[in-house]
């Protein structure tokens, strides 16, 4: 008896978080500044709707580490911001996150699309090395992070942003599945 073939990669049907719910949660956390580089995982469900939303001001940047500095600087005058990027940019900006977020103790909040992550697998089991190492690297750096992959995960976004600003520490949301567009 042979086993039926399993679908590969994106062929799996999986539930996705709601882009509208994430955006509502970000607004509830009193964030109005979004600093971003386009990311294939979050563009349709988050970045493009945010770019059209008059409640946000979107600042487009060229390099992720610039965004870390911009978000950190905004916190000095009480402005809350979220930096959006993909995991390659997160890896590129780890030294800036260490300096600005950890050493200077500034609340840099990031939403990071896990580009290349298979939607049916946890990041730790991904076939993509760049996805697989994200959580261990963040843990080694003692950086706070949480997953936003499934419906319901959006519920903790507001509190995590509030906690990052209260503690004046970074927090990273790992977006493992493309959010549903509003």
C-alpha atoms as a PDB file:
ATOM      1  CA  UNK A   1       0.000   0.000   0.000  1.00  0.00           C
ATOM      2  CA  UNK A   2       1.512   3.317  -1.012  1.00  0.00           C
ATOM      3  CA  UNK A   3       1.083   6.563   0.869  1.00  0.00           C
ATOM      4  CA  UNK A   4      -0.649   9.367  -0.946  1.00  0.00           C
ATOM      5  CA  UNK A   5       1.669  12.212  -1.854  1.00  0.00           C
ATOM      6  CA  UNK A   6       1.739  15.218   0.436  1.00  0.00           C
ATOM      7  CA  UNK A   7       1.515  18.707  -0.998  1.00  0.00           C
ATOM      8  CA  UNK A   8       4.720  20.716  -0.901  1.00  0.00           C
ATOM      9  CA  UNK A   9       5.340  24.209   0.469  1.00  0.00           C
ATOM     10  CA  UNK A  10       2.506  26.632  -0.222  1.00  0.00           C
ATOM     11  CA  UNK A  11       0.207  23.842  -1.455  1.00  0.00           C
ATOM     12  CA  UNK A  12      -0.852  23.261   2.154  1.00  0.00           C
ATOM     13  CA  UNK A  13      -3.984  25.144   3.091  1.00  0.00           C
ATOM     14  CA  UNK A  14      -3.392  26.843   6.409  1.00  0.00           C
ATOM     15  CA  UNK A  15      -5.237  29.493   8.355  1.00  0.00           C
ATOM     16  CA  UNK A  16      -3.619  32.916   8.296  1.00  0.00           C
ATOM     17  CA  UNK A  17      -3.729  35.857  10.677  1.00  0.00           C
ATOM     18  CA  UNK A  18      -5.922  38.817   9.820  1.00  0.00           C
ATOM     19  CA  UNK A  19      -4.140  41.878   8.450  1.00  0.00           C
ATOM     20  CA  UNK A  20      -7.074  44.033   9.563  1.00  0.00           C
ATOM     21  CA  UNK A  21      -6.814  42.666  13.125  1.00  0.00           C
ATOM     22  CA  UNK A  22      -3.052  43.311  13.225  1.00  0.00           C
ATOM     23  CA  UNK A  23      -3.582  46.878  11.995  1.00  0.00           C
ATOM     24  CA  UNK A  24      -6.307  47.449  14.623  1.00  0.00           C
ATOM     25  CA  UNK A  25      -3.954  46.109  17.316  1.00  0.00           C
ATOM     26  CA  UNK A  26      -1.137  48.413  16.188  1.00  0.00           C
ATOM     27  CA  UNK A  27      -3.524  51.385  16.312  1.00  0.00           C
ATOM     28  CA  UNK A  28      -4.756  50.307  19.760  1.00  0.00           C
ATOM     29  CA  UNK A  29      -1.118  50.481  20.910  1.00  0.00           C
ATOM     30  CA  UNK A  30      -1.090  54.152  19.822  1.00  0.00           C
ATOM     31  CA  UNK A  31       1.360  53.578  16.965  1.00  0.00           C
ATOM     32  CA  UNK A  32       0.988  56.039  14.097  1.00  0.00           C
ATOM     33  CA  UNK A  33       4.473  55.856  12.557  1.00  0.00           C
ATOM     34  CA  UNK A  34       5.388  52.943  10.317  1.00  0.00           C
ATOM     35  CA  UNK A  35       8.952  52.659   9.026  1.00  0.00           C
ATOM     36  CA  UNK A  36       9.273  50.032   6.326  1.00  0.00           C
ATOM     37  CA  UNK A  37      10.978  48.221   3.540  1.00  0.00           C
ATOM     38  CA  UNK A  38       8.741  46.115   1.309  1.00  0.00           C
ATOM     39  CA  UNK A  39       8.495  42.476   2.353  1.00  0.00           C
ATOM     40  CA  UNK A  40       6.736  39.850   0.251  1.00  0.00           C
ATOM     41  CA  UNK A  41       5.218  38.190   3.349  1.00  0.00           C
ATOM     42  CA  UNK A  42       3.564  41.298   4.796  1.00  0.00           C
ATOM     43  CA  UNK A  43       3.032  43.590   1.788  1.00  0.00           C
ATOM     44  CA  UNK A  44      -0.492  42.569   0.714  1.00  0.00           C
ATOM     45  CA  UNK A  45      -1.970  42.122   4.191  1.00  0.00           C
ATOM     46  CA  UNK A  46      -0.184  44.906   6.074  1.00  0.00           C
ATOM     47  CA  UNK A  47       2.113  47.305   4.226  1.00  0.00           C
ATOM     48  CA  UNK A  48      -0.156  48.273   1.324  1.00  0.00           C
ATOM     49  CA  UNK A  49      -3.255  48.739   3.543  1.00  0.00           C
ATOM     50  CA  UNK A  50      -1.140  50.786   5.986  1.00  0.00           C
ATOM     51  CA  UNK A  51       0.157  52.929   3.117  1.00  0.00           C
ATOM     52  CA  UNK A  52      -3.454  53.899   2.291  1.00  0.00           C
ATOM     53  CA  UNK A  53      -4.579  54.430   5.884  1.00  0.00           C
ATOM     54  CA  UNK A  54      -4.688  58.105   6.899  1.00  0.00           C
ATOM     55  CA  UNK A  55      -4.148  57.125  10.552  1.00  0.00           C
ATOM     56  CA  UNK A  56      -0.539  56.159   9.748  1.00  0.00           C
ATOM     57  CA  UNK A  57       2.464  57.991   8.411  1.00  0.00           C
ATOM     58  CA  UNK A  58       4.621  55.629   6.373  1.00  0.00           C
ATOM     59  CA  UNK A  59       8.347  56.291   6.065  1.00  0.00           C
ATOM     60  CA  UNK A  60      10.029  54.196   3.390  1.00  0.00           C
ATOM     61  CA  UNK A  61      13.685  53.465   3.986  1.00  0.00           C
ATOM     62  CA  UNK A  62      16.574  51.899   2.078  1.00  0.00           C
ATOM     63  CA  UNK A  63      18.222  49.829   4.835  1.00  0.00           C
ATOM     64  CA  UNK A  64      16.809  48.078   7.842  1.00  0.00           C
ATOM     65  CA  UNK A  65      19.426  49.380  10.280  1.00  0.00           C
ATOM     66  CA  UNK A  66      18.334  52.933   9.346  1.00  0.00           C
ATOM     67  CA  UNK A  67      14.862  51.946  10.495  1.00  0.00           C
ATOM     68  CA  UNK A  68      16.179  50.725  13.841  1.00  0.00           C
ATOM     69  CA  UNK A  69      17.808  54.123  14.440  1.00  0.00           C
ATOM     70  CA  UNK A  70      14.751  56.063  13.229  1.00  0.00           C
ATOM     71  CA  UNK A  71      12.374  54.110  15.480  1.00  0.00           C
ATOM     72  CA  UNK A  72      14.716  54.439  18.440  1.00  0.00           C
ATOM     73  CA  UNK A  73      15.046  58.182  17.887  1.00  0.00           C
ATOM     74  CA  UNK A  74      11.269  58.631  17.660  1.00  0.00           C
ATOM     75  CA  UNK A  75      10.900  57.129  21.123  1.00  0.00           C
ATOM     76  CA  UNK A  76      12.801  60.075  22.625  1.00  0.00           C
ATOM     77  CA  UNK A  77       9.816  62.361  22.027  1.00  0.00           C
ATOM     78  CA  UNK A  78       7.215  59.742  22.942  1.00  0.00           C
ATOM     79  CA  UNK A  79       6.395  58.753  19.368  1.00  0.00           C
ATOM     80  CA  UNK A  80       5.580  55.089  18.922  1.00  0.00           C
ATOM     81  CA  UNK A  81       6.718  53.414  15.720  1.00  0.00           C
ATOM     82  CA  UNK A  82       6.828  49.968  14.144  1.00  0.00           C
ATOM     83  CA  UNK A  83       9.582  48.873  11.764  1.00  0.00           C
ATOM     84  CA  UNK A  84       8.505  46.424   9.045  1.00  0.00           C
ATOM     85  CA  UNK A  85      10.993  44.233   7.153  1.00  0.00           C
ATOM     86  CA  UNK A  86      11.827  40.623   6.304  1.00  0.00           C
ATOM     87  CA  UNK A  87      14.171  38.334   8.212  1.00  0.00           C
ATOM     88  CA  UNK A  88      17.145  38.975   5.936  1.00  0.00           C
ATOM     89  CA  UNK A  89      16.974  42.627   6.969  1.00  0.00           C
ATOM     90  CA  UNK A  90      16.610  41.653  10.606  1.00  0.00           C
ATOM     91  CA  UNK A  91      19.788  39.618  10.359  1.00  0.00           C
ATOM     92  CA  UNK A  92      21.495  42.526   8.592  1.00  0.00           C
ATOM     93  CA  UNK A  93      20.557  44.931  11.374  1.00  0.00           C
ATOM     94  CA  UNK A  94      21.371  42.854  14.469  1.00  0.00           C
ATOM     95  CA  UNK A  95      24.242  45.123  15.473  1.00  0.00           C
ATOM     96  CA  UNK A  96      22.014  48.208  15.270  1.00  0.00           C
ATOM     97  CA  UNK A  97      19.356  46.395  17.321  1.00  0.00           C
ATOM     98  CA  UNK A  98      22.005  45.460  19.873  1.00  0.00           C
ATOM     99  CA  UNK A  99      23.292  49.035  20.124  1.00  0.00           C
ATOM    100  CA  UNK A 100      20.065  51.042  19.850  1.00  0.00           C
ATOM    101  CA  UNK A 101      17.588  48.631  21.413  1.00  0.00           C
ATOM    102  CA  UNK A 102      19.646  46.780  23.989  1.00  0.00           C
ATOM    103  CA  UNK A 103      22.626  48.975  24.953  1.00  0.00           C
ATOM    104  CA  UNK A 104      20.704  52.281  24.715  1.00  0.00           C
ATOM    105  CA  UNK A 105      17.509  50.618  25.971  1.00  0.00           C
ATOM    106  CA  UNK A 106      15.161  52.003  23.328  1.00  0.00           C
ATOM    107  CA  UNK A 107      11.839  50.398  22.394  1.00  0.00           C
ATOM    108  CA  UNK A 108      12.302  49.344  18.779  1.00  0.00           C
ATOM    109  CA  UNK A 109       9.272  47.286  17.725  1.00  0.00           C
ATOM    110  CA  UNK A 110       9.608  45.237  14.533  1.00  0.00           C
ATOM    111  CA  UNK A 111       7.271  43.184  12.363  1.00  0.00           C
ATOM    112  CA  UNK A 112       9.405  40.725  10.437  1.00  0.00           C
ATOM    113  CA  UNK A 113       8.128  38.610   7.567  1.00  0.00           C
ATOM    114  CA  UNK A 114       9.683  35.154   7.484  1.00  0.00           C
ATOM    115  CA  UNK A 115      10.260  34.998   3.739  1.00  0.00           C
ATOM    116  CA  UNK A 116      10.649  31.412   2.552  1.00  0.00           C
ATOM    117  CA  UNK A 117       9.010  29.814   5.598  1.00  0.00           C
ATOM    118  CA  UNK A 118       6.749  26.928   4.734  1.00  0.00           C
ATOM    119  CA  UNK A 119       3.294  27.823   6.122  1.00  0.00           C
ATOM    120  CA  UNK A 120       2.659  24.333   7.530  1.00  0.00           C
ATOM    121  CA  UNK A 121       5.960  24.055   9.446  1.00  0.00           C
ATOM    122  CA  UNK A 122       7.286  25.783  12.536  1.00  0.00           C
ATOM    123  CA  UNK A 123      10.237  28.062  11.790  1.00  0.00           C
ATOM    124  CA  UNK A 124      12.624  25.691  13.590  1.00  0.00           C
ATOM    125  CA  UNK A 125      11.805  22.960  11.020  1.00  0.00           C
ATOM    126  CA  UNK A 126      11.901  25.154   7.935  1.00  0.00           C
ATOM    127  CA  UNK A 127      13.959  24.058   4.967  1.00  0.00           C
ATOM    128  CA  UNK A 128      15.201  27.653   4.767  1.00  0.00           C
ATOM    129  CA  UNK A 129      18.340  28.138   6.839  1.00  0.00           C
ATOM    130  CA  UNK A 130      17.610  31.867   7.117  1.00  0.00           C
ATOM    131  CA  UNK A 131      14.213  31.140   8.669  1.00  0.00           C
ATOM    132  CA  UNK A 132      15.406  28.236  10.820  1.00  0.00           C
ATOM    133  CA  UNK A 133      18.023  30.295  12.687  1.00  0.00           C
ATOM    134  CA  UNK A 134      15.888  33.360  13.505  1.00  0.00           C
ATOM    135  CA  UNK A 135      14.463  32.188  16.833  1.00  0.00           C
ATOM    136  CA  UNK A 136      17.773  30.773  18.155  1.00  0.00           C
ATOM    137  CA  UNK A 137      19.566  34.015  17.229  1.00  0.00           C
ATOM    138  CA  UNK A 138      16.925  36.175  18.927  1.00  0.00           C
ATOM    139  CA  UNK A 139      17.018  33.935  21.998  1.00  0.00           C
ATOM    140  CA  UNK A 140      20.823  34.107  22.142  1.00  0.00           C
ATOM    141  CA  UNK A 141      20.590  37.902  22.037  1.00  0.00           C
ATOM    142  CA  UNK A 142      17.901  37.810  24.762  1.00  0.00           C
ATOM    143  CA  UNK A 143      15.503  39.717  22.493  1.00  0.00           C
ATOM    144  CA  UNK A 144      11.778  39.536  23.123  1.00  0.00           C
ATOM    145  CA  UNK A 145       9.800  38.077  20.233  1.00  0.00           C
ATOM    146  CA  UNK A 146       6.454  36.521  19.475  1.00  0.00           C
ATOM    147  CA  UNK A 147       4.897  34.678  16.558  1.00  0.00           C
ATOM    148  CA  UNK A 148       2.034  35.937  14.428  1.00  0.00           C
ATOM    149  CA  UNK A 149       1.043  33.005  12.236  1.00  0.00           C
ATOM    150  CA  UNK A 150      -2.486  31.934  12.940  1.00  0.00           C
ATOM    151  CA  UNK A 151      -5.854  33.560  13.499  1.00  0.00           C
ATOM    152  CA  UNK A 152      -5.901  34.717  17.107  1.00  0.00           C
ATOM    153  CA  UNK A 153      -2.185  35.514  17.290  1.00  0.00           C
ATOM    154  CA  UNK A 154      -3.101  39.145  16.561  1.00  0.00           C
ATOM    155  CA  UNK A 155      -4.632  39.386  20.051  1.00  0.00           C
ATOM    156  CA  UNK A 156      -1.246  39.803  21.768  1.00  0.00           C
ATOM    157  CA  UNK A 157       0.107  42.536  19.454  1.00  0.00           C
ATOM    158  CA  UNK A 158      -1.175  45.554  21.403  1.00  0.00           C
ATOM    159  CA  UNK A 159       0.093  44.267  24.755  1.00  0.00           C
ATOM    160  CA  UNK A 160       3.512  43.310  23.357  1.00  0.00           C
ATOM    161  CA  UNK A 161       3.951  46.816  21.894  1.00  0.00           C
ATOM    162  CA  UNK A 162       2.829  48.410  25.172  1.00  0.00           C
ATOM    163  CA  UNK A 163       5.242  46.162  27.093  1.00  0.00           C
ATOM    164  CA  UNK A 164       8.164  47.064  24.792  1.00  0.00           C
ATOM    165  CA  UNK A 165       7.559  50.771  25.348  1.00  0.00           C
ATOM    166  CA  UNK A 166       7.029  50.339  29.114  1.00  0.00           C
ATOM    167  CA  UNK A 167      10.290  48.371  29.452  1.00  0.00           C
ATOM    168  CA  UNK A 168      12.114  50.456  26.821  1.00  0.00           C
ATOM    169  CA  UNK A 169      13.281  47.279  25.086  1.00  0.00           C
ATOM    170  CA  UNK A 170      12.937  45.851  21.564  1.00  0.00           C
ATOM    171  CA  UNK A 171      10.230  43.397  20.567  1.00  0.00           C
ATOM    172  CA  UNK A 172      10.071  41.446  17.322  1.00  0.00           C
ATOM    173  CA  UNK A 173       6.883  40.015  15.822  1.00  0.00           C
ATOM    174  CA  UNK A 174       7.777  37.117  13.536  1.00  0.00           C
ATOM    175  CA  UNK A 175       5.152  36.971  10.796  1.00  0.00           C
ATOM    176  CA  UNK A 176       5.241  33.344   9.673  1.00  0.00           C
ATOM    177  CA  UNK A 177       2.313  33.408   7.252  1.00  0.00           C
ATOM    178  CA  UNK A 178       1.135  36.232   5.011  1.00  0.00           C
ATOM    179  CA  UNK A 179      -1.701  38.032   6.801  1.00  0.00           C
ATOM    180  CA  UNK A 180      -5.084  38.062   5.064  1.00  0.00           C
ATOM    181  CA  UNK A 181      -5.575  41.410   3.320  1.00  0.00           C
ATOM    182  CA  UNK A 182      -8.217  43.643   4.911  1.00  0.00           C
END
